N, C-alpha and C. Protein backbone atom coordinates (compact mmCIF):
# COMPACT_ATOMS: atom_id res chain seq x y z
N MET A 1 -190.60 -92.58 13.57
CA MET A 1 -190.77 -91.21 14.02
C MET A 1 -192.00 -90.68 13.45
N VAL A 2 -192.92 -90.04 14.25
CA VAL A 2 -194.19 -89.47 13.81
C VAL A 2 -193.97 -88.04 13.56
N LEU A 3 -194.37 -87.64 12.29
CA LEU A 3 -194.26 -86.24 11.97
C LEU A 3 -195.56 -85.47 12.30
N VAL A 4 -195.44 -84.42 13.04
CA VAL A 4 -196.70 -83.69 13.53
C VAL A 4 -196.44 -82.17 13.09
N ALA A 5 -197.46 -81.67 12.64
CA ALA A 5 -197.61 -80.22 12.30
C ALA A 5 -198.55 -79.51 13.24
N ALA A 6 -198.15 -78.37 13.68
CA ALA A 6 -198.98 -77.60 14.63
C ALA A 6 -198.98 -76.12 14.20
N ALA A 7 -200.05 -75.43 14.68
CA ALA A 7 -200.24 -74.02 14.32
C ALA A 7 -200.00 -73.09 15.52
N LEU A 8 -199.30 -72.05 15.35
CA LEU A 8 -199.09 -71.02 16.38
C LEU A 8 -199.95 -69.79 15.75
N VAL A 9 -201.16 -69.64 16.31
CA VAL A 9 -202.10 -68.63 15.72
C VAL A 9 -202.17 -67.48 16.89
N TRP A 10 -201.81 -66.24 16.47
CA TRP A 10 -201.89 -65.11 17.40
C TRP A 10 -203.13 -64.28 17.16
N ASN A 11 -203.69 -63.80 18.23
CA ASN A 11 -204.74 -62.80 18.16
C ASN A 11 -204.40 -61.72 19.14
N GLY A 12 -203.77 -60.60 18.64
CA GLY A 12 -203.17 -59.57 19.54
C GLY A 12 -201.96 -60.21 20.28
N ASP A 13 -202.00 -60.14 21.65
CA ASP A 13 -200.98 -60.73 22.46
C ASP A 13 -201.20 -62.13 22.95
N LYS A 14 -202.28 -62.78 22.45
CA LYS A 14 -202.66 -64.13 22.81
C LYS A 14 -202.60 -65.10 21.77
N PHE A 15 -202.22 -66.30 22.06
CA PHE A 15 -202.23 -67.39 21.06
C PHE A 15 -203.11 -68.47 21.44
N PHE A 16 -203.48 -69.26 20.41
CA PHE A 16 -204.58 -70.33 20.56
C PHE A 16 -203.94 -71.65 20.98
N ILE A 17 -204.66 -72.25 21.94
CA ILE A 17 -204.19 -73.63 22.45
C ILE A 17 -205.52 -74.43 22.56
N CYS A 18 -205.34 -75.76 22.55
CA CYS A 18 -206.42 -76.76 22.66
C CYS A 18 -206.03 -77.74 23.74
N ARG A 19 -207.13 -78.24 24.41
CA ARG A 19 -206.97 -79.30 25.45
C ARG A 19 -207.38 -80.63 24.86
N ARG A 20 -206.44 -81.59 25.03
CA ARG A 20 -206.64 -82.88 24.51
C ARG A 20 -207.81 -83.57 25.20
N PRO A 21 -208.59 -84.37 24.50
CA PRO A 21 -209.76 -85.05 25.13
C PRO A 21 -209.32 -86.16 26.20
N ALA A 22 -210.17 -86.47 27.01
CA ALA A 22 -209.96 -87.57 27.91
C ALA A 22 -209.96 -88.91 27.11
N GLY A 23 -209.22 -89.85 27.61
CA GLY A 23 -209.20 -91.12 26.87
C GLY A 23 -208.16 -91.24 25.87
N LYS A 24 -207.37 -90.27 25.51
CA LYS A 24 -206.33 -90.28 24.58
C LYS A 24 -205.02 -90.22 25.29
N ALA A 25 -203.91 -90.55 24.58
CA ALA A 25 -202.56 -90.32 25.16
C ALA A 25 -202.38 -88.85 25.52
N ARG A 26 -201.75 -88.56 26.67
CA ARG A 26 -201.62 -87.16 27.24
C ARG A 26 -202.93 -86.48 27.34
N ALA A 27 -203.86 -87.26 27.89
CA ALA A 27 -205.26 -86.81 28.04
C ALA A 27 -205.27 -85.45 28.93
N LEU A 28 -206.09 -84.64 28.50
CA LEU A 28 -206.49 -83.33 29.15
C LEU A 28 -205.26 -82.36 29.28
N MET A 29 -204.13 -82.67 28.55
CA MET A 29 -202.94 -81.74 28.49
C MET A 29 -203.29 -80.72 27.41
N TRP A 30 -202.70 -79.54 27.44
CA TRP A 30 -202.83 -78.55 26.42
C TRP A 30 -201.75 -78.73 25.32
N GLU A 31 -202.13 -78.23 24.17
CA GLU A 31 -201.32 -78.36 23.03
C GLU A 31 -201.66 -77.31 22.00
N PHE A 32 -200.78 -77.21 20.99
CA PHE A 32 -201.08 -76.36 19.80
C PHE A 32 -202.03 -77.14 18.90
N PRO A 33 -202.91 -76.45 18.15
CA PRO A 33 -203.73 -77.23 17.20
C PRO A 33 -202.91 -77.84 16.06
N GLY A 34 -203.39 -79.01 15.58
CA GLY A 34 -202.61 -79.70 14.59
C GLY A 34 -202.73 -81.16 14.72
N GLY A 35 -201.75 -81.88 14.09
CA GLY A 35 -201.77 -83.31 14.18
C GLY A 35 -200.77 -84.02 13.28
N LYS A 36 -200.89 -85.30 13.18
CA LYS A 36 -199.99 -86.14 12.43
C LYS A 36 -200.16 -86.06 10.93
N ALA A 37 -199.05 -86.01 10.23
CA ALA A 37 -199.05 -85.95 8.79
C ALA A 37 -199.27 -87.47 8.25
N GLU A 38 -200.16 -87.59 7.32
CA GLU A 38 -200.44 -88.84 6.61
C GLU A 38 -199.21 -89.11 5.67
N PRO A 39 -199.00 -90.42 5.32
CA PRO A 39 -197.94 -90.75 4.39
C PRO A 39 -198.15 -89.91 3.05
N GLY A 40 -197.09 -89.29 2.53
CA GLY A 40 -197.10 -88.49 1.37
C GLY A 40 -197.75 -87.14 1.46
N GLU A 41 -198.14 -86.81 2.61
CA GLU A 41 -198.72 -85.45 2.89
C GLU A 41 -197.65 -84.45 3.35
N THR A 42 -197.72 -83.26 2.84
CA THR A 42 -196.79 -82.19 3.37
C THR A 42 -197.20 -81.78 4.73
N LEU A 43 -196.31 -81.25 5.52
CA LEU A 43 -196.71 -80.79 6.85
C LEU A 43 -197.75 -79.65 6.74
N GLY A 44 -197.59 -78.80 5.81
CA GLY A 44 -198.60 -77.67 5.61
C GLY A 44 -199.95 -78.23 5.25
N ASP A 45 -200.00 -79.25 4.39
CA ASP A 45 -201.26 -79.88 4.05
C ASP A 45 -201.88 -80.65 5.31
N ALA A 46 -200.99 -81.23 6.09
CA ALA A 46 -201.49 -81.92 7.25
C ALA A 46 -202.06 -81.00 8.25
N LEU A 47 -201.47 -79.79 8.39
CA LEU A 47 -201.95 -78.80 9.31
C LEU A 47 -203.29 -78.30 8.85
N VAL A 48 -203.45 -77.99 7.63
CA VAL A 48 -204.73 -77.54 7.09
C VAL A 48 -205.81 -78.55 7.38
N ARG A 49 -205.52 -79.79 6.97
CA ARG A 49 -206.48 -80.85 7.21
C ARG A 49 -206.84 -81.09 8.63
N GLU A 50 -205.86 -81.16 9.56
CA GLU A 50 -206.12 -81.44 11.02
C GLU A 50 -206.97 -80.30 11.65
N CYS A 51 -206.66 -79.08 11.23
CA CYS A 51 -207.45 -77.95 11.82
C CYS A 51 -208.91 -78.03 11.32
N ALA A 52 -209.14 -78.36 9.98
CA ALA A 52 -210.47 -78.58 9.51
C ALA A 52 -211.18 -79.70 10.23
N GLU A 53 -210.54 -80.81 10.44
CA GLU A 53 -211.16 -81.98 11.03
C GLU A 53 -211.44 -81.72 12.49
N GLU A 54 -210.42 -81.14 13.28
CA GLU A 54 -210.61 -81.02 14.69
C GLU A 54 -211.15 -79.78 15.17
N LEU A 55 -211.13 -78.67 14.40
CA LEU A 55 -211.64 -77.38 14.84
C LEU A 55 -212.70 -76.80 13.91
N GLY A 56 -212.94 -77.46 12.73
CA GLY A 56 -213.81 -76.86 11.80
C GLY A 56 -213.36 -75.55 11.28
N ALA A 57 -212.01 -75.35 11.31
CA ALA A 57 -211.46 -74.08 11.03
C ALA A 57 -210.51 -74.21 9.74
N THR A 58 -210.54 -73.11 8.97
CA THR A 58 -209.63 -72.98 7.94
C THR A 58 -208.40 -72.20 8.33
N VAL A 59 -207.22 -72.69 8.08
CA VAL A 59 -206.02 -72.06 8.47
C VAL A 59 -205.21 -71.73 7.31
N GLU A 60 -204.56 -70.61 7.35
CA GLU A 60 -203.48 -70.25 6.35
C GLU A 60 -202.18 -70.44 6.98
N VAL A 61 -201.36 -71.39 6.41
CA VAL A 61 -200.08 -71.68 7.01
C VAL A 61 -199.02 -70.76 6.54
N LYS A 62 -198.28 -70.18 7.51
CA LYS A 62 -197.27 -69.15 7.17
C LYS A 62 -195.88 -69.85 7.18
N LYS A 63 -194.92 -69.14 7.73
CA LYS A 63 -193.57 -69.77 7.78
C LYS A 63 -193.40 -70.63 9.07
N GLU A 64 -192.40 -71.39 9.00
CA GLU A 64 -192.03 -72.35 10.06
C GLU A 64 -191.56 -71.51 11.30
N PHE A 65 -192.08 -71.75 12.44
CA PHE A 65 -191.68 -71.02 13.66
C PHE A 65 -190.59 -71.83 14.43
N ALA A 66 -190.81 -73.14 14.57
CA ALA A 66 -189.84 -73.98 15.24
C ALA A 66 -190.09 -75.42 14.96
N ARG A 67 -189.00 -76.20 15.10
CA ARG A 67 -189.00 -77.65 14.93
C ARG A 67 -188.33 -78.37 16.05
N VAL A 68 -188.94 -79.31 16.68
CA VAL A 68 -188.38 -80.06 17.80
C VAL A 68 -188.62 -81.52 17.74
N THR A 69 -187.73 -82.29 18.21
CA THR A 69 -187.95 -83.76 18.39
C THR A 69 -188.11 -84.08 19.76
N HIS A 70 -189.10 -84.94 20.09
CA HIS A 70 -189.37 -85.27 21.50
C HIS A 70 -189.63 -86.77 21.59
N GLU A 71 -189.05 -87.46 22.54
CA GLU A 71 -189.25 -88.85 22.73
C GLU A 71 -190.16 -89.09 23.92
N TYR A 72 -191.36 -89.52 23.64
CA TYR A 72 -192.36 -90.05 24.69
C TYR A 72 -191.98 -91.50 24.97
N SER A 73 -192.60 -92.01 26.01
CA SER A 73 -192.31 -93.45 26.24
C SER A 73 -192.97 -94.33 25.18
N ASP A 74 -194.02 -93.87 24.48
CA ASP A 74 -194.73 -94.61 23.50
C ASP A 74 -194.40 -94.33 22.07
N LEU A 75 -193.75 -93.12 21.83
CA LEU A 75 -193.43 -92.76 20.45
C LEU A 75 -192.56 -91.59 20.46
N THR A 76 -191.86 -91.37 19.31
CA THR A 76 -191.05 -90.27 19.08
C THR A 76 -191.72 -89.31 18.11
N VAL A 77 -191.82 -88.02 18.40
CA VAL A 77 -192.47 -87.21 17.43
C VAL A 77 -191.42 -85.99 16.97
N GLU A 78 -191.54 -85.68 15.76
CA GLU A 78 -190.86 -84.49 15.23
C GLU A 78 -192.02 -83.46 15.06
N LEU A 79 -192.02 -82.43 15.92
CA LEU A 79 -193.07 -81.40 15.89
C LEU A 79 -192.56 -80.24 15.24
N THR A 80 -193.31 -79.80 14.11
CA THR A 80 -192.99 -78.58 13.38
C THR A 80 -194.12 -77.68 13.62
N VAL A 81 -193.82 -76.46 14.18
CA VAL A 81 -194.82 -75.40 14.48
C VAL A 81 -194.76 -74.32 13.48
N PHE A 82 -195.84 -73.99 12.87
CA PHE A 82 -195.95 -72.99 11.88
C PHE A 82 -196.68 -71.80 12.37
N ASP A 83 -196.21 -70.58 12.06
CA ASP A 83 -197.00 -69.36 12.18
C ASP A 83 -198.24 -69.66 11.32
N ALA A 84 -199.40 -69.34 11.76
CA ALA A 84 -200.72 -69.55 10.97
C ALA A 84 -201.74 -68.60 11.42
N VAL A 85 -202.75 -68.46 10.57
CA VAL A 85 -203.85 -67.64 10.94
C VAL A 85 -205.20 -68.34 10.60
N PHE A 86 -206.20 -68.10 11.40
CA PHE A 86 -207.56 -68.57 11.07
C PHE A 86 -208.05 -67.71 10.07
N VAL A 87 -208.70 -68.30 8.96
CA VAL A 87 -209.30 -67.53 7.87
C VAL A 87 -210.74 -67.46 7.99
N ASN A 88 -211.22 -66.22 8.37
CA ASN A 88 -212.71 -65.93 8.33
C ASN A 88 -213.51 -67.03 9.03
N CYS A 89 -212.99 -67.51 10.24
CA CYS A 89 -213.71 -68.51 10.96
C CYS A 89 -213.41 -68.47 12.42
N GLU A 90 -214.31 -69.08 13.19
CA GLU A 90 -214.07 -69.30 14.55
C GLU A 90 -213.91 -70.77 14.92
N PRO A 91 -212.88 -71.15 15.59
CA PRO A 91 -212.67 -72.60 15.90
C PRO A 91 -213.89 -73.09 16.72
N GLN A 92 -214.15 -74.39 16.44
CA GLN A 92 -215.16 -75.06 17.14
C GLN A 92 -214.53 -76.31 17.96
N MET A 93 -215.20 -76.71 19.00
CA MET A 93 -214.68 -77.84 19.65
C MET A 93 -215.36 -79.10 19.22
N LEU A 94 -214.70 -79.66 18.13
CA LEU A 94 -215.13 -80.86 17.52
C LEU A 94 -214.57 -82.13 18.12
N GLU A 95 -213.23 -81.95 18.54
CA GLU A 95 -212.55 -83.08 19.13
C GLU A 95 -211.94 -82.84 20.56
N HIS A 96 -211.44 -81.62 20.67
CA HIS A 96 -210.83 -81.20 21.97
C HIS A 96 -211.87 -80.96 23.11
N SER A 97 -211.35 -81.05 24.29
CA SER A 97 -212.21 -80.82 25.44
C SER A 97 -212.42 -79.37 25.81
N ALA A 98 -211.44 -78.50 25.31
CA ALA A 98 -211.48 -77.01 25.57
C ALA A 98 -210.53 -76.39 24.69
N PHE A 99 -210.59 -75.08 24.52
CA PHE A 99 -209.62 -74.33 23.89
C PHE A 99 -209.61 -72.98 24.55
N ALA A 100 -208.43 -72.24 24.38
CA ALA A 100 -208.23 -70.93 25.01
C ALA A 100 -207.28 -70.07 24.20
N TRP A 101 -207.35 -68.81 24.44
CA TRP A 101 -206.49 -67.84 23.91
C TRP A 101 -205.68 -67.36 25.13
N ILE A 102 -204.37 -67.60 25.06
CA ILE A 102 -203.49 -67.18 26.33
C ILE A 102 -202.35 -66.26 25.92
N SER A 103 -201.88 -65.56 26.84
CA SER A 103 -200.68 -64.84 26.60
C SER A 103 -199.40 -65.54 27.15
N ALA A 104 -198.31 -65.10 26.87
CA ALA A 104 -197.04 -65.72 27.22
C ALA A 104 -197.02 -65.76 28.73
N ASP A 105 -197.55 -64.75 29.37
CA ASP A 105 -197.53 -64.65 30.84
C ASP A 105 -198.33 -65.81 31.53
N GLU A 106 -199.34 -66.39 30.77
CA GLU A 106 -200.28 -67.33 31.17
C GLU A 106 -199.77 -68.75 31.02
N ILE A 107 -198.71 -69.00 30.32
CA ILE A 107 -198.31 -70.35 29.97
C ILE A 107 -198.17 -71.21 31.17
N SER A 108 -197.67 -70.77 32.26
CA SER A 108 -197.45 -71.61 33.40
C SER A 108 -198.82 -72.07 34.11
N ASP A 109 -199.87 -71.46 33.74
CA ASP A 109 -201.28 -71.80 34.26
C ASP A 109 -201.73 -73.12 33.66
N TYR A 110 -201.09 -73.59 32.54
CA TYR A 110 -201.61 -74.70 31.87
C TYR A 110 -200.59 -75.86 31.83
N GLU A 111 -201.12 -77.05 31.80
CA GLU A 111 -200.22 -78.21 31.72
C GLU A 111 -200.14 -78.61 30.24
N PHE A 112 -198.99 -78.42 29.67
CA PHE A 112 -198.81 -78.65 28.19
C PHE A 112 -198.15 -80.04 27.98
N CYS A 113 -198.31 -80.57 26.76
CA CYS A 113 -197.72 -81.80 26.36
C CYS A 113 -196.15 -81.43 26.42
N PRO A 114 -195.37 -82.44 26.83
CA PRO A 114 -193.88 -82.18 26.95
C PRO A 114 -193.24 -81.82 25.64
N ALA A 115 -193.75 -82.25 24.48
CA ALA A 115 -193.16 -81.85 23.27
C ALA A 115 -193.27 -80.39 23.00
N ASP A 116 -194.19 -79.75 23.62
CA ASP A 116 -194.49 -78.32 23.36
C ASP A 116 -193.62 -77.45 24.21
N VAL A 117 -192.93 -77.92 25.22
CA VAL A 117 -192.26 -77.06 26.20
C VAL A 117 -191.10 -76.28 25.61
N GLU A 118 -190.32 -76.78 24.66
CA GLU A 118 -189.29 -75.99 23.99
C GLU A 118 -189.94 -74.85 23.12
N ILE A 119 -191.07 -75.14 22.48
CA ILE A 119 -191.79 -74.19 21.71
C ILE A 119 -192.25 -73.07 22.63
N LEU A 120 -192.81 -73.39 23.70
CA LEU A 120 -193.25 -72.42 24.68
C LEU A 120 -192.18 -71.54 25.18
N ASP A 121 -190.98 -72.12 25.50
CA ASP A 121 -189.82 -71.33 25.88
C ASP A 121 -189.46 -70.32 24.81
N ARG A 122 -189.55 -70.72 23.60
CA ARG A 122 -189.15 -69.72 22.53
C ARG A 122 -190.22 -68.60 22.40
N ILE A 123 -191.50 -68.93 22.66
CA ILE A 123 -192.51 -67.94 22.68
C ILE A 123 -192.32 -66.96 23.80
N ILE A 124 -191.89 -67.43 24.96
CA ILE A 124 -191.64 -66.56 26.09
C ILE A 124 -190.51 -65.66 25.86
N LYS A 125 -189.37 -66.15 25.19
CA LYS A 125 -188.23 -65.34 24.84
C LYS A 125 -188.58 -64.31 23.87
N LYS A 126 -189.35 -64.65 22.85
CA LYS A 126 -189.66 -63.71 21.81
C LYS A 126 -190.64 -62.57 22.46
N ASP A 127 -191.47 -63.03 23.26
CA ASP A 127 -192.45 -62.12 23.89
C ASP A 127 -191.70 -61.05 24.78
N LEU A 128 -190.68 -61.52 25.52
CA LEU A 128 -189.85 -60.62 26.37
C LEU A 128 -189.09 -59.57 25.52
N LEU A 129 -188.51 -60.16 24.38
CA LEU A 129 -187.80 -59.24 23.46
C LEU A 129 -188.69 -58.26 22.82
N PHE A 130 -189.83 -58.73 22.47
CA PHE A 130 -190.84 -57.78 21.76
C PHE A 130 -191.20 -56.71 22.76
N ARG A 131 -191.47 -57.12 24.02
CA ARG A 131 -191.91 -56.06 24.99
C ARG A 131 -190.79 -55.10 25.22
N SER A 132 -189.58 -55.58 25.37
CA SER A 132 -188.46 -54.70 25.65
C SER A 132 -188.26 -53.66 24.48
N GLN A 133 -188.32 -54.17 23.24
CA GLN A 133 -188.14 -53.36 22.09
C GLN A 133 -189.29 -52.33 22.01
N ARG A 134 -190.52 -52.80 22.31
CA ARG A 134 -191.72 -51.89 22.34
C ARG A 134 -191.54 -50.78 23.32
N GLU A 135 -190.99 -51.17 24.55
CA GLU A 135 -190.84 -50.14 25.57
C GLU A 135 -189.85 -49.04 25.13
N THR A 136 -188.78 -49.55 24.45
CA THR A 136 -187.77 -48.64 23.95
C THR A 136 -188.33 -47.66 22.88
N LEU A 137 -189.21 -48.15 22.04
CA LEU A 137 -189.97 -47.34 21.09
C LEU A 137 -190.87 -46.37 21.79
N MET A 138 -191.53 -46.79 22.87
CA MET A 138 -192.41 -45.93 23.62
C MET A 138 -191.65 -44.76 24.21
N THR A 139 -190.42 -45.06 24.78
CA THR A 139 -189.57 -44.11 25.36
C THR A 139 -189.13 -43.01 24.33
N LEU A 140 -188.80 -43.44 23.21
CA LEU A 140 -188.39 -42.64 22.10
C LEU A 140 -189.55 -41.71 21.64
N LEU A 141 -190.75 -42.31 21.59
CA LEU A 141 -191.89 -41.53 21.17
C LEU A 141 -192.21 -40.53 22.20
N SER A 142 -192.22 -40.96 23.47
CA SER A 142 -192.55 -40.01 24.58
C SER A 142 -191.56 -38.77 24.61
N ALA A 143 -190.28 -39.08 24.32
CA ALA A 143 -189.24 -38.07 24.32
C ALA A 143 -189.29 -37.22 23.06
N GLY A 144 -190.12 -37.50 22.13
CA GLY A 144 -190.15 -36.82 20.90
C GLY A 144 -189.08 -37.14 19.89
N ALA A 145 -188.37 -38.15 20.08
CA ALA A 145 -187.23 -38.58 19.24
C ALA A 145 -187.77 -39.24 17.97
N ILE A 146 -188.97 -39.83 18.00
CA ILE A 146 -189.58 -40.35 16.83
C ILE A 146 -191.04 -39.94 16.77
N THR A 147 -191.63 -39.92 15.58
CA THR A 147 -193.04 -39.58 15.47
C THR A 147 -193.91 -40.81 15.72
N LYS A 148 -195.21 -40.62 15.82
CA LYS A 148 -196.10 -41.75 15.97
C LYS A 148 -196.00 -42.66 14.78
N ALA A 149 -195.97 -42.01 13.58
CA ALA A 149 -195.86 -42.85 12.33
C ALA A 149 -194.58 -43.68 12.37
N GLN A 150 -193.49 -43.13 12.81
CA GLN A 150 -192.22 -43.91 12.88
C GLN A 150 -192.38 -44.99 13.98
N TYR A 151 -193.06 -44.71 15.02
CA TYR A 151 -193.23 -45.64 16.12
C TYR A 151 -194.03 -46.93 15.48
N THR A 152 -195.17 -46.57 14.86
CA THR A 152 -196.03 -47.59 14.30
C THR A 152 -195.30 -48.40 13.23
N GLU A 153 -194.57 -47.71 12.35
CA GLU A 153 -193.89 -48.46 11.30
C GLU A 153 -192.72 -49.28 11.91
N SER A 154 -192.05 -48.90 12.92
CA SER A 154 -190.91 -49.67 13.61
C SER A 154 -191.48 -50.85 14.32
N LEU A 155 -192.72 -50.61 14.99
CA LEU A 155 -193.30 -51.73 15.80
C LEU A 155 -193.83 -52.84 14.83
N CYS A 156 -194.50 -52.35 13.80
CA CYS A 156 -194.93 -53.36 12.84
C CYS A 156 -193.90 -54.19 12.10
N GLY A 157 -192.80 -53.44 11.74
CA GLY A 157 -191.71 -54.14 11.13
C GLY A 157 -190.99 -55.07 12.09
N MET A 158 -190.86 -54.69 13.31
CA MET A 158 -190.26 -55.54 14.31
C MET A 158 -191.14 -56.76 14.51
N ALA A 159 -192.44 -56.59 14.70
CA ALA A 159 -193.37 -57.78 14.85
C ALA A 159 -193.25 -58.61 13.71
N GLN A 160 -193.29 -58.12 12.49
CA GLN A 160 -193.18 -58.94 11.37
C GLN A 160 -191.85 -59.85 11.24
N LYS A 161 -190.73 -59.18 11.57
CA LYS A 161 -189.52 -59.91 11.60
C LYS A 161 -189.48 -61.00 12.60
N MET A 162 -190.13 -60.73 13.74
CA MET A 162 -190.17 -61.73 14.77
C MET A 162 -191.23 -62.78 14.61
N GLY A 163 -192.02 -62.65 13.50
CA GLY A 163 -193.09 -63.64 13.29
C GLY A 163 -194.24 -63.42 14.29
N MET A 164 -194.47 -62.22 14.69
CA MET A 164 -195.51 -61.90 15.68
C MET A 164 -196.34 -60.74 15.14
N SER A 165 -196.55 -60.72 13.77
CA SER A 165 -197.36 -59.64 13.21
C SER A 165 -198.78 -59.61 13.69
N GLY A 166 -199.36 -60.67 14.21
CA GLY A 166 -200.65 -60.74 14.68
C GLY A 166 -200.84 -60.02 16.02
N ARG A 167 -199.68 -59.54 16.56
CA ARG A 167 -199.71 -58.91 17.93
C ARG A 167 -199.88 -57.39 17.78
N VAL A 168 -199.71 -56.80 16.65
CA VAL A 168 -199.74 -55.28 16.55
C VAL A 168 -201.11 -54.85 16.03
């Protein structure tokens, strides 16, 4: 089994994805940034190294978002996705053929690697829950039931609990 670490990096309501280069397995499919862990390397260290090598980017690894196992015809991967942030840098296309910032609503516009599908489903579910709870807070704010400060505090707290603090 191949251990893979990937980053879920949010910027507002969009998250970062990369397109695999032509000539590699799963060519031109979209994925989260990251890669395989080397023997003896922690998943967090692998993620930092891979983002530096492939994107010229420094990432700060936060908590684990999700872990899935997927069997391809040529290998089995255990994919661990971490919430992460780019630290004072803009990603560069050093290995990938493209990258994009997309919202949960745009996921279906991209062909992702099959191992990422379960992760994407979780993002969609969290996004729907976040929107629903944000709407409820907006209704309470509009009705005068809460103050703007309470709205902001509640929204930030909710986003942090859901691992979506980059969205507020």
